[in-house]
Amino acid sequence: MLHLLLHLDLLHLVLLMGLDKLGKLLTLL
């Protein structure tokens, strides 16, 4: 169970980083 929670946390971090990069790209356009 703990391993699954850790995996979900990493996935959440990756998603947040991806959204942040997308936002920066959109502001550059």
C-alpha atoms as a PDB file:
ATOM      1  CA  MET A   1       0.000   0.000   0.000  1.00  0.00           C
ATOM      2  CA  LEU A   2       2.802   2.399   0.905  1.00  0.00           C
ATOM      3  CA  HIS A   3       4.547   1.667  -2.413  1.00  0.00           C
ATOM      4  CA  LEU A   4       1.359   2.573  -4.302  1.00  0.00           C
ATOM      5  CA  LEU A   5       1.025   5.858  -2.421  1.00  0.00           C
ATOM      6  CA  LEU A   6       4.643   6.729  -3.190  1.00  0.00           C
ATOM      7  CA  HIS A   7       4.075   5.938  -6.875  1.00  0.00           C
ATOM      8  CA  LEU A   8       0.995   8.167  -6.981  1.00  0.00           C
ATOM      9  CA  ASP A   9       2.944  10.972  -5.289  1.00  0.00           C
ATOM     10  CA  LEU A  10       5.695  10.755  -7.939  1.00  0.00           C
ATOM     11  CA  LEU A  11       3.094  10.755 -10.704  1.00  0.00           C
ATOM     12  CA  HIS A  12       1.503  13.846  -9.168  1.00  0.00           C
ATOM     13  CA  LEU A  13       4.875  15.624  -9.077  1.00  0.00           C
ATOM     14  CA  VAL A  14       5.547  14.774 -12.722  1.00  0.00           C
ATOM     15  CA  LEU A  15       2.101  16.060 -13.706  1.00  0.00           C
ATOM     16  CA  LEU A  16       2.638  19.311 -11.812  1.00  0.00           C
ATOM     17  CA  MET A  17       6.023  19.829 -13.460  1.00  0.00           C
ATOM     18  CA  GLY A  18       4.513  19.113 -16.866  1.00  0.00           C
ATOM     19  CA  LEU A  19       1.702  21.602 -16.288  1.00  0.00           C
ATOM     20  CA  ASP A  20       4.198  24.218 -15.130  1.00  0.00           C
ATOM     21  CA  LYS A  21       6.257  23.779 -18.310  1.00  0.00           C
ATOM     22  CA  LEU A  22       3.119  23.909 -20.457  1.00  0.00           C
ATOM     23  CA  GLY A  23       2.065  27.126 -18.743  1.00  0.00           C
ATOM     24  CA  LYS A  24       5.465  28.711 -19.399  1.00  0.00           C
ATOM     25  CA  LEU A  25       5.329  27.661 -23.057  1.00  0.00           C
ATOM     26  CA  LEU A  26       1.834  29.124 -23.422  1.00  0.00           C
ATOM     27  CA  THR A  27       2.938  32.457 -21.949  1.00  0.00           C
ATOM     28  CA  LEU A  28       5.819  32.580 -24.454  1.00  0.00           C
ATOM     29  CA  LEU A  29       3.467  32.219 -27.419  1.00  0.00           C
END
